[in-house]
Amino acid sequence: MSCMTTKQKFDVENPPVVMLANGRYAYKCECPWVGKNGKVLTAFKFCSAKAYEDYNKQMEQTEAPEEPELEATPERPESPA
């Protein structure tokens, strides 16, 4: 990836893919450098629609909701007040 503000390059593994307001797809991640006044810098790199679809499929598989195991709790009698 390349930070447009600092003109420096950095490596990113598996960056998230987003659809931009203009309908194009891009990799998006935070730059490791901080801008003026502590501003967070974000880098974008255009990609294909297939990369976007593959990323969404991958996220669906990793975020498959696992049903939590509920422990059977014995009912407790109410304590006298």
N, C-alpha and C. Protein backbone atom coordinates (compact mmCIF):
# COMPACT_ATOMS: atom_id res chain seq x y z
N MET A 1 0.86 -1.17 0.00
CA MET A 1 0.00 0.00 0.00
C MET A 1 0.90 1.23 0.00
N SER A 2 0.32 2.33 -0.36
CA SER A 2 1.07 3.57 -0.44
C SER A 2 0.25 4.69 0.21
N CYS A 3 0.86 5.37 1.17
CA CYS A 3 0.21 6.49 1.85
C CYS A 3 0.37 7.72 0.98
N MET A 4 -0.75 8.29 0.54
CA MET A 4 -0.70 9.44 -0.36
C MET A 4 -0.22 10.71 0.35
N THR A 5 -0.41 10.79 1.64
CA THR A 5 -0.02 11.99 2.37
C THR A 5 1.49 12.02 2.60
N THR A 6 2.06 10.91 3.09
CA THR A 6 3.48 10.89 3.41
C THR A 6 4.33 10.39 2.25
N LYS A 7 3.69 9.86 1.19
CA LYS A 7 4.38 9.32 0.01
C LYS A 7 5.30 8.15 0.38
N GLN A 8 4.93 7.40 1.40
CA GLN A 8 5.71 6.25 1.83
C GLN A 8 4.91 4.98 1.58
N LYS A 9 5.63 3.88 1.32
CA LYS A 9 4.98 2.60 1.07
C LYS A 9 5.08 1.72 2.30
N PHE A 10 4.09 0.84 2.47
CA PHE A 10 4.10 -0.11 3.57
C PHE A 10 3.34 -1.35 3.13
N ASP A 11 3.63 -2.47 3.79
CA ASP A 11 3.01 -3.75 3.46
C ASP A 11 1.85 -4.04 4.39
N VAL A 12 0.81 -4.65 3.82
CA VAL A 12 -0.38 -5.02 4.58
C VAL A 12 -0.80 -6.41 4.13
N GLU A 13 -1.12 -7.28 5.09
CA GLU A 13 -1.62 -8.60 4.75
C GLU A 13 -3.13 -8.62 4.91
N ASN A 14 -3.82 -9.08 3.90
CA ASN A 14 -5.29 -9.20 3.89
C ASN A 14 -6.00 -7.92 4.31
N PRO A 15 -5.83 -6.83 3.57
CA PRO A 15 -6.55 -5.60 3.93
C PRO A 15 -8.03 -5.75 3.60
N PRO A 16 -8.90 -5.06 4.34
CA PRO A 16 -10.33 -5.11 4.04
C PRO A 16 -10.62 -4.47 2.68
N VAL A 17 -11.65 -4.98 2.00
CA VAL A 17 -12.06 -4.45 0.71
C VAL A 17 -13.41 -3.75 0.90
N VAL A 18 -13.52 -2.53 0.41
CA VAL A 18 -14.74 -1.76 0.57
C VAL A 18 -15.23 -1.26 -0.78
N MET A 19 -16.53 -0.93 -0.85
CA MET A 19 -17.07 -0.30 -2.04
C MET A 19 -17.14 1.20 -1.77
N LEU A 20 -16.54 1.97 -2.64
CA LEU A 20 -16.50 3.41 -2.47
C LEU A 20 -17.82 4.05 -2.93
N ALA A 21 -18.00 5.31 -2.63
CA ALA A 21 -19.23 6.02 -2.97
C ALA A 21 -19.44 6.08 -4.49
N ASN A 22 -18.37 6.04 -5.27
CA ASN A 22 -18.50 6.10 -6.72
C ASN A 22 -18.73 4.73 -7.35
N GLY A 23 -18.89 3.68 -6.52
CA GLY A 23 -19.19 2.35 -7.02
C GLY A 23 -17.97 1.50 -7.32
N ARG A 24 -16.79 2.04 -7.14
CA ARG A 24 -15.57 1.27 -7.38
C ARG A 24 -15.17 0.55 -6.10
N TYR A 25 -14.28 -0.42 -6.23
CA TYR A 25 -13.85 -1.22 -5.09
C TYR A 25 -12.40 -0.88 -4.78
N ALA A 26 -12.05 -0.94 -3.48
CA ALA A 26 -10.69 -0.60 -3.08
C ALA A 26 -10.31 -1.30 -1.78
N TYR A 27 -9.03 -1.59 -1.67
CA TYR A 27 -8.47 -2.05 -0.39
C TYR A 27 -8.35 -0.81 0.49
N LYS A 28 -8.66 -0.94 1.77
CA LYS A 28 -8.61 0.21 2.67
C LYS A 28 -7.93 -0.20 3.97
N CYS A 29 -6.96 0.60 4.42
CA CYS A 29 -6.33 0.33 5.71
C CYS A 29 -5.73 1.62 6.26
N GLU A 30 -5.47 1.60 7.55
CA GLU A 30 -4.85 2.76 8.19
C GLU A 30 -3.36 2.75 7.92
N CYS A 31 -2.82 3.93 7.70
CA CYS A 31 -1.37 4.07 7.51
C CYS A 31 -0.69 3.96 8.88
N PRO A 32 0.54 3.45 8.91
CA PRO A 32 1.24 3.34 10.19
C PRO A 32 1.76 4.69 10.71
N TRP A 33 1.58 5.76 9.94
CA TRP A 33 2.04 7.07 10.36
C TRP A 33 0.85 7.93 10.76
N VAL A 34 1.13 8.94 11.55
CA VAL A 34 0.08 9.85 12.01
C VAL A 34 0.25 11.17 11.28
N GLY A 35 -0.86 11.78 10.89
CA GLY A 35 -0.84 13.06 10.21
C GLY A 35 -0.73 14.22 11.18
N LYS A 36 -0.91 15.41 10.67
CA LYS A 36 -0.85 16.61 11.51
C LYS A 36 -1.95 16.57 12.55
N ASN A 37 -1.64 17.06 13.72
CA ASN A 37 -2.58 17.12 14.85
C ASN A 37 -3.12 15.75 15.23
N GLY A 38 -2.32 14.70 15.01
CA GLY A 38 -2.72 13.35 15.42
C GLY A 38 -3.78 12.72 14.55
N LYS A 39 -3.96 13.22 13.35
CA LYS A 39 -5.00 12.70 12.45
C LYS A 39 -4.61 11.32 11.93
N VAL A 40 -5.59 10.41 11.89
CA VAL A 40 -5.37 9.06 11.38
C VAL A 40 -5.40 9.11 9.86
N LEU A 41 -4.36 8.58 9.21
CA LEU A 41 -4.29 8.57 7.76
C LEU A 41 -4.78 7.22 7.24
N THR A 42 -5.49 7.24 6.14
CA THR A 42 -6.03 6.02 5.55
C THR A 42 -5.53 5.88 4.12
N ALA A 43 -5.11 4.67 3.76
CA ALA A 43 -4.63 4.39 2.41
C ALA A 43 -5.68 3.58 1.67
N PHE A 44 -5.84 3.86 0.38
CA PHE A 44 -6.75 3.14 -0.49
C PHE A 44 -5.98 2.66 -1.71
N LYS A 45 -6.35 1.49 -2.21
CA LYS A 45 -5.77 0.99 -3.46
C LYS A 45 -6.89 0.30 -4.22
N PHE A 46 -7.16 0.73 -5.45
CA PHE A 46 -8.25 0.17 -6.22
C PHE A 46 -8.04 -1.32 -6.47
N CYS A 47 -9.15 -2.06 -6.53
CA CYS A 47 -9.10 -3.49 -6.80
C CYS A 47 -10.31 -3.88 -7.64
N SER A 48 -10.42 -5.16 -7.95
CA SER A 48 -11.50 -5.64 -8.81
C SER A 48 -12.75 -5.99 -8.00
N ALA A 49 -13.87 -6.14 -8.72
CA ALA A 49 -15.11 -6.55 -8.08
C ALA A 49 -14.98 -7.98 -7.55
N LYS A 50 -14.19 -8.80 -8.23
CA LYS A 50 -13.98 -10.18 -7.78
C LYS A 50 -13.27 -10.20 -6.43
N ALA A 51 -12.31 -9.31 -6.23
CA ALA A 51 -11.62 -9.23 -4.93
C ALA A 51 -12.61 -8.87 -3.83
N TYR A 52 -13.56 -7.98 -4.15
CA TYR A 52 -14.59 -7.58 -3.18
C TYR A 52 -15.49 -8.76 -2.84
N GLU A 53 -15.92 -9.51 -3.86
CA GLU A 53 -16.77 -10.68 -3.64
C GLU A 53 -16.04 -11.74 -2.84
N ASP A 54 -14.77 -12.00 -3.17
CA ASP A 54 -13.98 -12.99 -2.44
C ASP A 54 -13.81 -12.59 -0.98
N TYR A 55 -13.59 -11.30 -0.74
CA TYR A 55 -13.42 -10.82 0.63
C TYR A 55 -14.71 -11.01 1.42
N ASN A 56 -15.86 -10.71 0.82
CA ASN A 56 -17.14 -10.88 1.51
C ASN A 56 -17.42 -12.35 1.81
N LYS A 57 -17.09 -13.24 0.87
CA LYS A 57 -17.28 -14.67 1.11
C LYS A 57 -16.40 -15.13 2.27
N GLN A 58 -15.17 -14.66 2.28
CA GLN A 58 -14.22 -15.02 3.35
C GLN A 58 -14.73 -14.52 4.70
N MET A 59 -15.27 -13.31 4.74
CA MET A 59 -15.77 -12.75 6.00
C MET A 59 -17.01 -13.50 6.48
N GLU A 60 -17.86 -13.93 5.55
CA GLU A 60 -19.04 -14.70 5.94
C GLU A 60 -18.64 -16.03 6.56
N GLN A 61 -17.61 -16.65 6.03
CA GLN A 61 -17.16 -17.94 6.55
C GLN A 61 -16.52 -17.78 7.92
N THR A 62 -15.74 -16.73 8.12
CA THR A 62 -15.06 -16.56 9.40
C THR A 62 -16.01 -16.04 10.47
N GLU A 63 -17.08 -15.35 10.06
CA GLU A 63 -18.01 -14.80 11.03
C GLU A 63 -19.27 -15.65 11.17
N ALA A 64 -19.18 -16.92 10.79
CA ALA A 64 -20.34 -17.80 10.93
C ALA A 64 -20.70 -17.86 12.40
N PRO A 65 -21.93 -17.50 12.73
CA PRO A 65 -22.30 -17.45 14.15
C PRO A 65 -22.31 -18.85 14.77
N GLU A 66 -21.48 -19.00 15.76
CA GLU A 66 -21.46 -20.26 16.49
C GLU A 66 -22.48 -20.15 17.62
N GLU A 67 -23.25 -21.18 17.78
CA GLU A 67 -24.25 -21.14 18.83
C GLU A 67 -23.57 -21.41 20.17
N PRO A 68 -23.69 -20.49 21.10
CA PRO A 68 -23.04 -20.69 22.39
C PRO A 68 -23.73 -21.81 23.16
N GLU A 69 -22.91 -22.54 23.85
CA GLU A 69 -23.47 -23.62 24.66
C GLU A 69 -24.02 -23.02 25.94
N LEU A 70 -25.29 -23.25 26.18
CA LEU A 70 -25.92 -22.73 27.38
C LEU A 70 -25.82 -23.78 28.47
N GLU A 71 -25.31 -23.36 29.59
CA GLU A 71 -25.20 -24.28 30.72
C GLU A 71 -26.54 -24.34 31.43
N ALA A 72 -26.91 -25.52 31.80
CA ALA A 72 -28.17 -25.68 32.53
C ALA A 72 -27.97 -25.15 33.94
N THR A 73 -28.76 -24.15 34.29
CA THR A 73 -28.65 -23.58 35.63
C THR A 73 -29.83 -24.07 36.46
N PRO A 74 -29.55 -24.65 37.60
CA PRO A 74 -30.65 -25.12 38.42
C PRO A 74 -31.46 -23.93 38.94
N GLU A 75 -32.76 -24.10 39.01
CA GLU A 75 -33.61 -23.03 39.52
C GLU A 75 -33.40 -22.90 41.00
N ARG A 76 -33.26 -21.68 41.44
CA ARG A 76 -33.03 -21.43 42.85
C ARG A 76 -34.32 -20.92 43.46
N PRO A 77 -34.64 -21.40 44.64
CA PRO A 77 -35.82 -20.85 45.31
C PRO A 77 -35.54 -19.41 45.70
N GLU A 78 -36.57 -18.58 45.65
CA GLU A 78 -36.41 -17.19 46.02
C GLU A 78 -36.16 -17.08 47.51
N SER A 79 -35.25 -16.20 47.87
CA SER A 79 -34.94 -16.03 49.30
C SER A 79 -36.00 -15.12 49.91
N PRO A 80 -36.35 -15.39 51.12
CA PRO A 80 -37.34 -14.53 51.79
C PRO A 80 -36.75 -13.15 52.01
N ALA A 81 -37.54 -12.14 51.82
CA ALA A 81 -37.06 -10.76 51.96
C ALA A 81 -37.32 -10.22 53.33
